[in-house]
């Protein structure tokens, strides 16, 4: 299995700080992730996070 990092939209605060929710999941392929997102109307839902996914990136080991 591969690891993928899913990102949500960036939120800007009055203080000037920005934050973007993200979660790392394991899947066999991008297709598996897309199927799961389509079944949840574009949302990723985990026990510690729920957000609309705007970007997916495969996590690679850079050793």
Protein backbone atom coordinates (compact mmCIF):
# COMPACT_ATOMS: atom_id res chain seq x y z
CA UNK A 1 0.00 0.00 0.00
CA UNK A 2 1.03 3.57 -0.62
CA UNK A 3 0.60 6.59 1.61
CA UNK A 4 -1.24 9.68 0.41
CA UNK A 5 -1.64 13.06 2.08
CA UNK A 6 -5.04 14.69 1.60
CA UNK A 7 -5.32 18.45 2.08
CA UNK A 8 -8.31 20.68 2.78
CA UNK A 9 -8.77 24.35 1.91
CA UNK A 10 -6.50 26.88 3.61
CA UNK A 11 -8.06 29.05 6.28
CA UNK A 12 -6.63 32.53 6.95
CA UNK A 13 -7.00 34.02 10.42
CA UNK A 14 -7.12 37.70 11.36
CA UNK A 15 -3.71 37.33 12.99
CA UNK A 16 -2.20 36.53 9.59
CA UNK A 17 -1.66 32.85 10.32
CA UNK A 18 -2.86 30.26 7.83
CA UNK A 19 -3.80 26.65 8.44
CA UNK A 20 -4.78 23.78 6.20
CA UNK A 21 -6.26 20.52 7.48
CA UNK A 22 -4.54 17.38 6.26
CA UNK A 23 -4.50 13.66 6.91
CA UNK A 24 -2.31 10.80 5.72
CA UNK A 25 -4.09 7.66 4.57
CA UNK A 26 -3.01 4.35 3.06
CA UNK A 27 -4.49 3.16 -0.22
CA UNK A 28 -3.50 1.07 -3.20
CA UNK A 29 -3.93 3.89 -5.72
CA UNK A 30 -5.36 7.33 -6.42
CA UNK A 31 -8.41 5.54 -7.84
CA UNK A 32 -9.20 4.00 -4.44
CA UNK A 33 -9.06 7.43 -2.82
CA UNK A 34 -11.24 9.01 -5.50
CA UNK A 35 -13.86 6.27 -5.08
CA UNK A 36 -13.97 6.83 -1.31
CA UNK A 37 -14.24 10.61 -1.77
CA UNK A 38 -17.02 10.26 -4.34
CA UNK A 39 -18.99 8.09 -1.92
CA UNK A 40 -18.70 10.86 0.72
CA UNK A 41 -19.43 13.81 -1.65
CA UNK A 42 -15.79 14.91 -1.60
CA UNK A 43 -15.35 14.76 2.17
CA UNK A 44 -12.72 12.75 4.03
CA UNK A 45 -14.11 11.63 7.36
CA UNK A 46 -11.88 10.19 10.07
CA UNK A 47 -12.19 10.00 13.86
CA UNK A 48 -10.05 13.12 14.32
CA UNK A 49 -10.89 15.10 11.15
CA UNK A 50 -13.54 15.81 8.56
CA UNK A 51 -12.97 18.18 5.67
CA UNK A 52 -13.52 18.68 1.96
CA UNK A 53 -10.45 17.50 0.05
CA UNK A 54 -8.90 19.95 -2.41
CA UNK A 55 -5.52 18.31 -3.09
CA UNK A 56 -4.02 14.80 -2.94
CA UNK A 57 -0.29 14.09 -2.88
CA UNK A 58 1.50 10.75 -2.76
CA UNK A 59 3.91 10.52 0.17
CA UNK A 60 7.35 9.29 -0.90
CA UNK A 61 10.35 8.37 1.23
CA UNK A 62 13.25 10.65 0.36
CA UNK A 63 16.23 8.78 1.82
